[in-house]
PDB file of all heavy atoms in Angstrom:
ATOM      1  N   SER A   1      32.846  81.650 112.040  1.00  0.00           N
ATOM      2  CA  SER A   1      33.119  80.230 112.228  1.00  0.00           C
ATOM      3  C   SER A   1      32.241  79.389 111.328  1.00  0.00           C
ATOM      4  O   SER A   1      32.695  78.378 110.733  1.00  0.00           O
ATOM      5  CB  SER A   1      32.891  79.854 113.687  1.00  0.00           C
ATOM      6  OG  SER A   1      33.767  80.566 114.530  1.00  0.00           O
ATOM      7  N   LEU A   2      30.973  79.757 111.215  1.00  0.00           N
ATOM      8  CA  LEU A   2      30.027  79.020 110.357  1.00  0.00           C
ATOM      9  C   LEU A   2      30.507  79.135 108.903  1.00  0.00           C
ATOM     10  O   LEU A   2      30.504  78.140 108.156  1.00  0.00           O
ATOM     11  CB  LEU A   2      28.621  79.595 110.495  1.00  0.00           C
ATOM     12  CG  LEU A   2      27.532  78.986 109.609  1.00  0.00           C
ATOM     13  CD1 LEU A   2      27.417  77.478 109.929  1.00  0.00           C
ATOM     14  CD2 LEU A   2      26.219  79.706 109.842  1.00  0.00           C
ATOM     15  N   LYS A   3      30.909  80.318 108.492  1.00  0.00           N
ATOM     16  CA  LYS A   3      31.363  80.503 107.103  1.00  0.00           C
ATOM     17  C   LYS A   3      32.617  79.694 106.817  1.00  0.00           C
ATOM     18  O   LYS A   3      32.759  79.081 105.758  1.00  0.00           O
ATOM     19  CB  LYS A   3      31.632  82.001 106.873  1.00  0.00           C
ATOM     20  CG  LYS A   3      31.901  82.342 105.407  1.00  0.00           C
ATOM     21  CD  LYS A   3      31.964  83.863 105.310  1.00  0.00           C
ATOM     22  CE  LYS A   3      32.186  84.297 103.873  1.00  0.00           C
ATOM     23  NZ  LYS A   3      32.263  85.764 103.795  1.00  0.00           N
ATOM     24  N   ALA A   4      33.537  79.679 107.787  1.00  0.00           N
ATOM     25  CA  ALA A   4      34.752  78.891 107.601  1.00  0.00           C
ATOM     26  C   ALA A   4      34.437  77.404 107.457  1.00  0.00           C
ATOM     27  O   ALA A   4      35.065  76.674 106.692  1.00  0.00           O
ATOM     28  CB  ALA A   4      35.711  79.122 108.779  1.00  0.00           C
ATOM     29  N   LEU A   5      33.431  76.926 108.212  1.00  0.00           N
ATOM     30  CA  LEU A   5      33.005  75.562 108.132  1.00  0.00           C
ATOM     31  C   LEU A   5      32.441  75.245 106.760  1.00  0.00           C
ATOM     32  O   LEU A   5      32.775  74.239 106.147  1.00  0.00           O
ATOM     33  CB  LEU A   5      31.969  75.253 109.217  1.00  0.00           C
ATOM     34  CG  LEU A   5      31.420  73.836 109.241  1.00  0.00           C
ATOM     35  CD1 LEU A   5      32.525  72.842 109.605  1.00  0.00           C
ATOM     36  CD2 LEU A   5      30.279  73.754 110.284  1.00  0.00           C
ATOM     37  N   ILE A   6      31.592  76.136 106.244  1.00  0.00           N
ATOM     38  CA  ILE A   6      30.966  75.923 104.926  1.00  0.00           C
ATOM     39  C   ILE A   6      32.031  75.950 103.835  1.00  0.00           C
ATOM     40  O   ILE A   6      32.047  75.118 102.919  1.00  0.00           O
ATOM     41  CB  ILE A   6      29.907  76.974 104.669  1.00  0.00           C
ATOM     42  CG1 ILE A   6      28.722  76.800 105.634  1.00  0.00           C
ATOM     43  CG2 ILE A   6      29.413  76.948 103.220  1.00  0.00           C
ATOM     44  CD1 ILE A   6      27.708  77.916 105.601  1.00  0.00           C
ATOM     45  N   ASN A   7      32.912  76.929 103.893  1.00  0.00           N
ATOM     46  CA  ASN A   7      33.912  77.085 102.833  1.00  0.00           C
ATOM     47  C   ASN A   7      35.142  76.223 103.013  1.00  0.00           C
ATOM     48  O   ASN A   7      35.986  76.146 102.131  1.00  0.00           O
ATOM     49  CB  ASN A   7      34.391  78.558 102.769  1.00  0.00           C
ATOM     50  CG  ASN A   7      33.355  79.479 102.218  1.00  0.00           C
ATOM     51  OD1 ASN A   7      32.522  79.075 101.410  1.00  0.00           O
ATOM     52  ND2 ASN A   7      33.357  80.730 102.678  1.00  0.00           N
ATOM     53  N   ARG A   8      35.243  75.592 104.198  1.00  0.00           N
ATOM     54  CA  ARG A   8      36.438  74.804 104.529  1.00  0.00           C
ATOM     55  C   ARG A   8      37.711  75.618 104.441  1.00  0.00           C
ATOM     56  O   ARG A   8      38.766  75.164 104.027  1.00  0.00           O
ATOM     57  CB  ARG A   8      36.547  73.570 103.602  1.00  0.00           C
ATOM     58  CG  ARG A   8      35.369  72.611 103.736  1.00  0.00           C
ATOM     59  CD  ARG A   8      35.523  71.398 102.868  1.00  0.00           C
ATOM     60  NE  ARG A   8      34.384  70.523 102.980  1.00  0.00           N
ATOM     61  CZ  ARG A   8      34.227  69.375 102.287  1.00  0.00           C
ATOM     62  NH1 ARG A   8      35.194  68.983 101.487  1.00  0.00           N
ATOM     63  NH2 ARG A   8      33.159  68.662 102.427  1.00  0.00           N
ATOM     64  N   GLN A   9      37.586  76.876 104.795  1.00  0.00           N
ATOM     65  CA  GLN A   9      38.740  77.759 104.768  1.00  0.00           C
ATOM     66  C   GLN A   9      38.500  78.915 105.736  1.00  0.00           C
ATOM     67  O   GLN A   9      37.454  79.522 105.757  1.00  0.00           O
ATOM     68  CB  GLN A   9      38.944  78.349 103.371  1.00  0.00           C
ATOM     69  CG  GLN A   9      40.189  79.238 103.268  1.00  0.00           C
ATOM     70  CD  GLN A   9      40.470  79.653 101.855  1.00  0.00           C
ATOM     71  OE1 GLN A   9      39.582  79.699 101.062  1.00  0.00           O
ATOM     72  NE2 GLN A   9      41.712  79.924 101.556  1.00  0.00           N
ATOM     73  N   HIS A  10      39.474  79.203 106.566  1.00  0.00           N
ATOM     74  CA  HIS A  10      39.395  80.329 107.500  1.00  0.00           C
ATOM     75  C   HIS A  10      39.802  81.603 106.763  1.00  0.00           C
ATOM     76  O   HIS A  10      40.740  81.615 105.966  1.00  0.00           O
ATOM     77  CB  HIS A  10      40.318  80.098 108.689  1.00  0.00           C
ATOM     78  CG  HIS A  10      40.266  81.251 109.660  1.00  0.00           C
ATOM     79  ND1 HIS A  10      39.127  81.554 110.416  1.00  0.00           N
ATOM     80  CD2 HIS A  10      41.208  82.129 110.038  1.00  0.00           C
ATOM     81  CE1 HIS A  10      39.385  82.600 111.181  1.00  0.00           C
ATOM     82  NE2 HIS A  10      40.647  82.960 110.973  1.00  0.00           N
ATOM     83  N   ASN A  11      39.099  82.686 107.068  1.00  0.00           N
ATOM     84  CA  ASN A  11      39.350  83.966 106.399  1.00  0.00           C
ATOM     85  C   ASN A  11      40.146  84.867 107.355  1.00  0.00           C
ATOM     86  O   ASN A  11      39.685  85.209 108.430  1.00  0.00           O
ATOM     87  CB  ASN A  11      38.015  84.631 106.031  1.00  0.00           C
ATOM     88  CG  ASN A  11      38.213  85.931 105.260  1.00  0.00           C
ATOM     89  OD1 ASN A  11      38.848  86.846 105.744  1.00  0.00           O
ATOM     90  ND2 ASN A  11      37.688  85.950 104.043  1.00  0.00           N
ATOM     91  N   LEU A  12      41.315  85.253 106.932  1.00  0.00           N
ATOM     92  CA  LEU A  12      42.238  86.034 107.789  1.00  0.00           C
ATOM     93  C   LEU A  12      41.566  87.304 108.285  1.00  0.00           C
ATOM     94  O   LEU A  12      41.639  87.638 109.457  1.00  0.00           O
ATOM     95  CB  LEU A  12      43.481  86.397 106.986  1.00  0.00           C
ATOM     96  CG  LEU A  12      44.458  87.382 107.673  1.00  0.00           C
ATOM     97  CD1 LEU A  12      45.086  86.739 108.874  1.00  0.00           C
ATOM     98  CD2 LEU A  12      45.516  87.808 106.692  1.00  0.00           C
ATOM     99  N   PHE A  13      40.884  88.055 107.392  1.00  0.00           N
ATOM    100  CA  PHE A  13      40.335  89.329 107.773  1.00  0.00           C
ATOM    101  C   PHE A  13      39.166  89.158 108.753  1.00  0.00           C
ATOM    102  O   PHE A  13      39.011  89.935 109.697  1.00  0.00           O
ATOM    103  CB  PHE A  13      39.890  90.092 106.530  1.00  0.00           C
ATOM    104  CG  PHE A  13      41.000  90.334 105.569  1.00  0.00           C
ATOM    105  CD1 PHE A  13      41.070  89.628 104.357  1.00  0.00           C
ATOM    106  CD2 PHE A  13      42.046  91.211 105.873  1.00  0.00           C
ATOM    107  CE1 PHE A  13      42.104  89.816 103.486  1.00  0.00           C
ATOM    108  CE2 PHE A  13      43.076  91.404 105.000  1.00  0.00           C
ATOM    109  CZ  PHE A  13      43.135  90.727 103.806  1.00  0.00           C
ATOM    110  N   GLU A  14      38.356  88.152 108.542  1.00  0.00           N
ATOM    111  CA  GLU A  14      37.272  87.919 109.480  1.00  0.00           C
ATOM    112  C   GLU A  14      37.817  87.425 110.827  1.00  0.00           C
ATOM    113  O   GLU A  14      37.135  87.528 111.863  1.00  0.00           O
ATOM    114  CB  GLU A  14      36.253  86.977 108.893  1.00  0.00           C
ATOM    115  CG  GLU A  14      35.519  87.613 107.716  1.00  0.00           C
ATOM    116  CD  GLU A  14      34.336  86.830 107.237  1.00  0.00           C
ATOM    117  OE1 GLU A  14      34.416  85.601 107.182  1.00  0.00           O
ATOM    118  OE2 GLU A  14      33.322  87.467 106.899  1.00  0.00           O
ATOM    119  N   GLY A  15      39.044  86.905 110.807  1.00  0.00           N
ATOM    120  CA  GLY A  15      39.685  86.597 112.085  1.00  0.00           C
ATOM    121  C   GLY A  15      39.945  87.850 112.932  1.00  0.00           C
ATOM    122  O   GLY A  15      40.111  87.787 114.128  1.00  0.00           O
ATOM    123  N   PHE A  16      39.976  88.994 112.254  1.00  0.00           N
ATOM    124  CA  PHE A  16      40.093  90.279 112.926  1.00  0.00           C
ATOM    125  C   PHE A  16      38.715  90.877 113.277  1.00  0.00           C
ATOM    126  O   PHE A  16      38.632  92.017 113.688  1.00  0.00           O
ATOM    127  CB  PHE A  16      40.848  91.287 112.054  1.00  0.00           C
ATOM    128  CG  PHE A  16      42.326  91.127 111.984  1.00  0.00           C
ATOM    129  CD1 PHE A  16      42.944  90.525 110.922  1.00  0.00           C
ATOM    130  CD2 PHE A  16      43.114  91.579 113.044  1.00  0.00           C
ATOM    131  CE1 PHE A  16      44.324  90.402 110.876  1.00  0.00           C
ATOM    132  CE2 PHE A  16      44.501  91.462 113.008  1.00  0.00           C
ATOM    133  CZ  PHE A  16      45.107  90.849 111.920  1.00  0.00           C
ATOM    134  N   SER A  17      37.643  90.107 113.080  1.00  0.00           N
ATOM    135  CA  SER A  17      36.284  90.617 113.280  1.00  0.00           C
ATOM    136  C   SER A  17      35.959  91.718 112.310  1.00  0.00           C
ATOM    137  O   SER A  17      35.265  92.697 112.680  1.00  0.00           O
ATOM    138  CB  SER A  17      36.083  91.056 114.736  1.00  0.00           C
ATOM    139  OG  SER A  17      36.231  89.973 115.608  1.00  0.00           O
ATOM    140  N   ILE A  18      36.410  91.604 111.097  1.00  0.00           N
ATOM    141  CA  ILE A  18      36.097  92.556 110.013  1.00  0.00           C
ATOM    142  C   ILE A  18      35.285  91.815 108.976  1.00  0.00           C
ATOM    143  O   ILE A  18      35.670  90.768 108.502  1.00  0.00           O
ATOM    144  CB  ILE A  18      37.404  93.134 109.444  1.00  0.00           C
ATOM    145  CG1 ILE A  18      38.089  94.049 110.461  1.00  0.00           C
ATOM    146  CG2 ILE A  18      37.116  93.914 108.168  1.00  0.00           C
ATOM    147  CD1 ILE A  18      39.410  94.619 110.002  1.00  0.00           C
ATOM    148  N   ARG A  19      34.134  92.362 108.627  1.00  0.00           N
ATOM    149  CA  ARG A  19      33.274  91.745 107.598  1.00  0.00           C
ATOM    150  C   ARG A  19      34.017  91.703 106.271  1.00  0.00           C
ATOM    151  O   ARG A  19      34.550  92.718 105.805  1.00  0.00           O
ATOM    152  CB  ARG A  19      31.980  92.549 107.455  1.00  0.00           C
ATOM    153  CG  ARG A  19      31.050  92.522 108.631  1.00  0.00           C
ATOM    154  CD  ARG A  19      30.327  91.194 108.745  1.00  0.00           C
ATOM    155  NE  ARG A  19      29.519  90.912 107.557  1.00  0.00           N
ATOM    156  CZ  ARG A  19      28.291  91.349 107.382  1.00  0.00           C
ATOM    157  NH1 ARG A  19      27.730  92.155 108.269  1.00  0.00           N
ATOM    158  NH2 ARG A  19      27.610  91.019 106.288  1.00  0.00           N
ATOM    159  N   TYR A  20      34.029  90.576 105.667  1.00  0.00           N
ATOM    160  CA  TYR A  20      34.772  90.345 104.407  1.00  0.00           C
ATOM    161  C   TYR A  20      33.774  90.059 103.250  1.00  0.00           C
ATOM    162  O   TYR A  20      32.868  89.237 103.415  1.00  0.00           O
ATOM    163  CB  TYR A  20      35.762  89.184 104.553  1.00  0.00           C
ATOM    164  CG  TYR A  20      36.402  88.773 103.277  1.00  0.00           C
ATOM    165  CD1 TYR A  20      37.569  89.354 102.841  1.00  0.00           C
ATOM    166  CD2 TYR A  20      35.840  87.780 102.464  1.00  0.00           C
ATOM    167  CE1 TYR A  20      38.164  89.011 101.633  1.00  0.00           C
ATOM    168  CE2 TYR A  20      36.446  87.388 101.278  1.00  0.00           C
ATOM    169  CZ  TYR A  20      37.594  88.023 100.864  1.00  0.00           C
ATOM    170  OH  TYR A  20      38.164  87.664  99.690  1.00  0.00           O
ATOM    171  N   PHE A  21      33.988  90.727 102.117  1.00  0.00           N
ATOM    172  CA  PHE A  21      33.203  90.496 100.905  1.00  0.00           C
ATOM    173  C   PHE A  21      34.137  90.320  99.710  1.00  0.00           C
ATOM    174  O   PHE A  21      35.010  91.129  99.494  1.00  0.00           O
ATOM    175  CB  PHE A  21      32.255  91.682 100.659  1.00  0.00           C
ATOM    176  CG  PHE A  21      31.319  91.983 101.807  1.00  0.00           C
ATOM    177  CD1 PHE A  21      31.711  92.867 102.793  1.00  0.00           C
ATOM    178  CD2 PHE A  21      30.095  91.360 101.897  1.00  0.00           C
ATOM    179  CE1 PHE A  21      30.863  93.130 103.856  1.00  0.00           C
ATOM    180  CE2 PHE A  21      29.235  91.648 102.934  1.00  0.00           C
ATOM    181  CZ  PHE A  21      29.632  92.528 103.931  1.00  0.00           C
ATOM    182  N   GLY A  22      33.886  89.248  98.977  1.00  0.00           N
ATOM    183  CA  GLY A  22      34.688  89.065  97.793  1.00  0.00           C
ATOM    184  C   GLY A  22      35.292  87.669  97.717  1.00  0.00           C
ATOM    185  O   GLY A  22      34.936  86.801  98.504  1.00  0.00           O
ATOM    186  N   PRO A  23      36.218  87.494  96.782  1.00  0.00           N
ATOM    187  CA  PRO A  23      36.688  88.509  95.838  1.00  0.00           C
ATOM    188  C   PRO A  23      35.738  88.677  94.655  1.00  0.00           C
ATOM    189  O   PRO A  23      35.023  87.746  94.285  1.00  0.00           O
ATOM    190  CB  PRO A  23      38.021  87.943  95.342  1.00  0.00           C
ATOM    191  CG  PRO A  23      37.863  86.449  95.486  1.00  0.00           C
ATOM    192  CD  PRO A  23      36.969  86.239  96.662  1.00  0.00           C
ATOM    193  N   ILE A  24      35.671  89.902  94.104  1.00  0.00           N
ATOM    194  CA  ILE A  24      34.823  90.208  92.971  1.00  0.00           C
ATOM    195  C   ILE A  24      35.668  90.799  91.857  1.00  0.00           C
ATOM    196  O   ILE A  24      36.778  91.271  92.081  1.00  0.00           O
ATOM    197  CB  ILE A  24      33.654  91.118  93.344  1.00  0.00           C
ATOM    198  CG1 ILE A  24      34.171  92.540  93.728  1.00  0.00           C
ATOM    199  CG2 ILE A  24      32.805  90.536  94.456  1.00  0.00           C
ATOM    200  CD1 ILE A  24      33.056  93.551  93.909  1.00  0.00           C
ATOM    201  N   ASP A  25      35.082  90.843  90.676  1.00  0.00           N
ATOM    202  CA  ASP A  25      35.774  91.356  89.480  1.00  0.00           C
ATOM    203  C   ASP A  25      35.895  92.876  89.611  1.00  0.00           C
ATOM    204  O   ASP A  25      34.906  93.612  89.588  1.00  0.00           O
ATOM    205  CB  ASP A  25      34.991  90.994  88.227  1.00  0.00           C
ATOM    206  CG  ASP A  25      35.653  91.470  86.944  1.00  0.00           C
ATOM    207  OD1 ASP A  25      36.721  92.101  87.008  1.00  0.00           O
ATOM    208  OD2 ASP A  25      35.082  91.213  85.872  1.00  0.00           O
ATOM    209  N   GLY A  26      37.111  93.359  89.722  1.00  0.00           N
ATOM    210  CA  GLY A  26      37.338  94.785  89.892  1.00  0.00           C
ATOM    211  C   GLY A  26      37.267  95.572  88.586  1.00  0.00           C
ATOM    212  O   GLY A  26      37.489  96.794  88.603  1.00  0.00           O
ATOM    213  N   HIS A  27      36.941  94.901  87.470  1.00  0.00           N
ATOM    214  CA  HIS A  27      36.803  95.606  86.194  1.00  0.00           C
ATOM    215  C   HIS A  27      35.362  95.614  85.705  1.00  0.00           C
ATOM    216  O   HIS A  27      35.106  96.048  84.591  1.00  0.00           O
ATOM    217  CB  HIS A  27      37.746  94.983  85.152  1.00  0.00           C
ATOM    218  CG  HIS A  27      39.212  95.161  85.484  1.00  0.00           C
ATOM    219  ND1 HIS A  27      39.796  96.374  85.691  1.00  0.00           N
ATOM    220  CD2 HIS A  27      40.171  94.238  85.724  1.00  0.00           C
ATOM    221  CE1 HIS A  27      41.067  96.223  86.010  1.00  0.00           C
ATOM    222  NE2 HIS A  27      41.334  94.927  86.008  1.00  0.00           N
ATOM    223  N   ASP A  28      34.445  95.150  86.510  1.00  0.00           N
ATOM    224  CA  ASP A  28      33.020  95.224  86.201  1.00  0.00           C
ATOM    225  C   ASP A  28      32.483  96.405  86.986  1.00  0.00           C
ATOM    226  O   ASP A  28      32.067  96.271  88.156  1.00  0.00           O
ATOM    227  CB  ASP A  28      32.317  93.925  86.609  1.00  0.00           C
ATOM    228  CG  ASP A  28      30.840  93.897  86.210  1.00  0.00           C
ATOM    229  OD1 ASP A  28      30.233  94.960  86.032  1.00  0.00           O
ATOM    230  OD2 ASP A  28      30.315  92.789  86.099  1.00  0.00           O
ATOM    231  N   VAL A  29      32.442  97.587  86.368  1.00  0.00           N
ATOM    232  CA  VAL A  29      32.103  98.800  87.089  1.00  0.00           C
ATOM    233  C   VAL A  29      30.663  98.750  87.593  1.00  0.00           C
ATOM    234  O   VAL A  29      30.362  99.280  88.692  1.00  0.00           O
ATOM    235  CB  VAL A  29      32.377 100.064  86.217  1.00  0.00           C
ATOM    236  CG1 VAL A  29      31.429 100.116  85.012  1.00  0.00           C
ATOM    237  CG2 VAL A  29      32.268 101.335  87.050  1.00  0.00           C
ATOM    238  N   GLY A  30      29.737  98.163  86.846  1.00  0.00           N
ATOM    239  CA  GLY A  30      28.359  98.052  87.306  1.00  0.00           C
ATOM    240  C   GLY A  30      28.212  97.245  88.546  1.00  0.00           C
ATOM    241  O   GLY A  30      27.517  97.622  89.479  1.00  0.00           O
ATOM    242  N   ASP A  31      28.907  96.111  88.572  1.00  0.00           N
ATOM    243  CA  ASP A  31      28.846  95.250  89.751  1.00  0.00           C
ATOM    244  C   ASP A  31      29.549  95.925  90.934  1.00  0.00           C
ATOM    245  O   ASP A  31      29.088  95.796  92.071  1.00  0.00           O
ATOM    246  CB  ASP A  31      29.515  93.919  89.438  1.00  0.00           C
ATOM    247  CG  ASP A  31      29.256  92.886  90.566  1.00  0.00           C
ATOM    248  OD1 ASP A  31      28.081  92.772  90.975  1.00  0.00           O
ATOM    249  OD2 ASP A  31      30.219  92.239  90.993  1.00  0.00           O
ATOM    250  N   LEU A  32      30.636  96.632  90.682  1.00  0.00           N
ATOM    251  CA  LEU A  32      31.298  97.369  91.762  1.00  0.00           C
ATOM    252  C   LEU A  32      30.359  98.390  92.384  1.00  0.00           C
ATOM    253  O   LEU A  32      30.304  98.533  93.613  1.00  0.00           O
ATOM    254  CB  LEU A  32      32.544  98.062  91.237  1.00  0.00           C
ATOM    255  CG  LEU A  32      33.828  97.237  91.113  1.00  0.00           C
ATOM    256  CD1 LEU A  32      34.905  98.037  90.437  1.00  0.00           C
ATOM    257  CD2 LEU A  32      34.313  96.804  92.478  1.00  0.00           C
ATOM    258  N   VAL A  33      29.641  99.127  91.552  1.00  0.00           N
ATOM    259  CA  VAL A  33      28.696 100.135  92.054  1.00  0.00           C
ATOM    260  C   VAL A  33      27.632  99.447  92.936  1.00  0.00           C
ATOM    261  O   VAL A  33      27.285  99.935  94.019  1.00  0.00           O
ATOM    262  CB  VAL A  33      28.033 100.909  90.885  1.00  0.00           C
ATOM    263  CG1 VAL A  33      26.810 101.676  91.362  1.00  0.00           C
ATOM    264  CG2 VAL A  33      29.040 101.816  90.226  1.00  0.00           C
ATOM    265  N   LYS A  34      27.138  98.298  92.470  1.00  0.00           N
ATOM    266  CA  LYS A  34      26.098  97.583  93.211  1.00  0.00           C
ATOM    267  C   LYS A  34      26.666  97.084  94.539  1.00  0.00           C
ATOM    268  O   LYS A  34      26.031  97.276  95.594  1.00  0.00           O
ATOM    269  CB  LYS A  34      25.584  96.389  92.397  1.00  0.00           C
ATOM    270  CG  LYS A  34      24.484  95.624  93.105  1.00  0.00           C
ATOM    271  CD  LYS A  34      24.003  94.433  92.280  1.00  0.00           C
ATOM    272  CE  LYS A  34      22.835  93.730  92.968  1.00  0.00           C
ATOM    273  NZ  LYS A  34      23.161  93.293  94.348  1.00  0.00           N
ATOM    274  N   LYS A  35      27.822  96.483  94.533  1.00  0.00           N
ATOM    275  CA  LYS A  35      28.371  95.909  95.761  1.00  0.00           C
ATOM    276  C   LYS A  35      28.738  97.026  96.738  1.00  0.00           C
ATOM    277  O   LYS A  35      28.457  96.901  97.958  1.00  0.00           O
ATOM    278  CB  LYS A  35      29.643  95.100  95.450  1.00  0.00           C
ATOM    279  CG  LYS A  35      29.403  93.838  94.661  1.00  0.00           C
ATOM    280  CD  LYS A  35      28.610  92.813  95.455  1.00  0.00           C
ATOM    281  CE  LYS A  35      28.568  91.449  94.802  1.00  0.00           C
ATOM    282  NZ  LYS A  35      28.026  91.408  93.475  1.00  0.00           N
TER     283      LYS A  35
END
């Protein structure tokens, strides 16, 4: 709820109580490894 307030947008997946991360660049292999 706090995140939706900050972003002014509700996240569908977090509505299912699932932690959501992203979106990130799927072609940056180094960053993918880190995340």
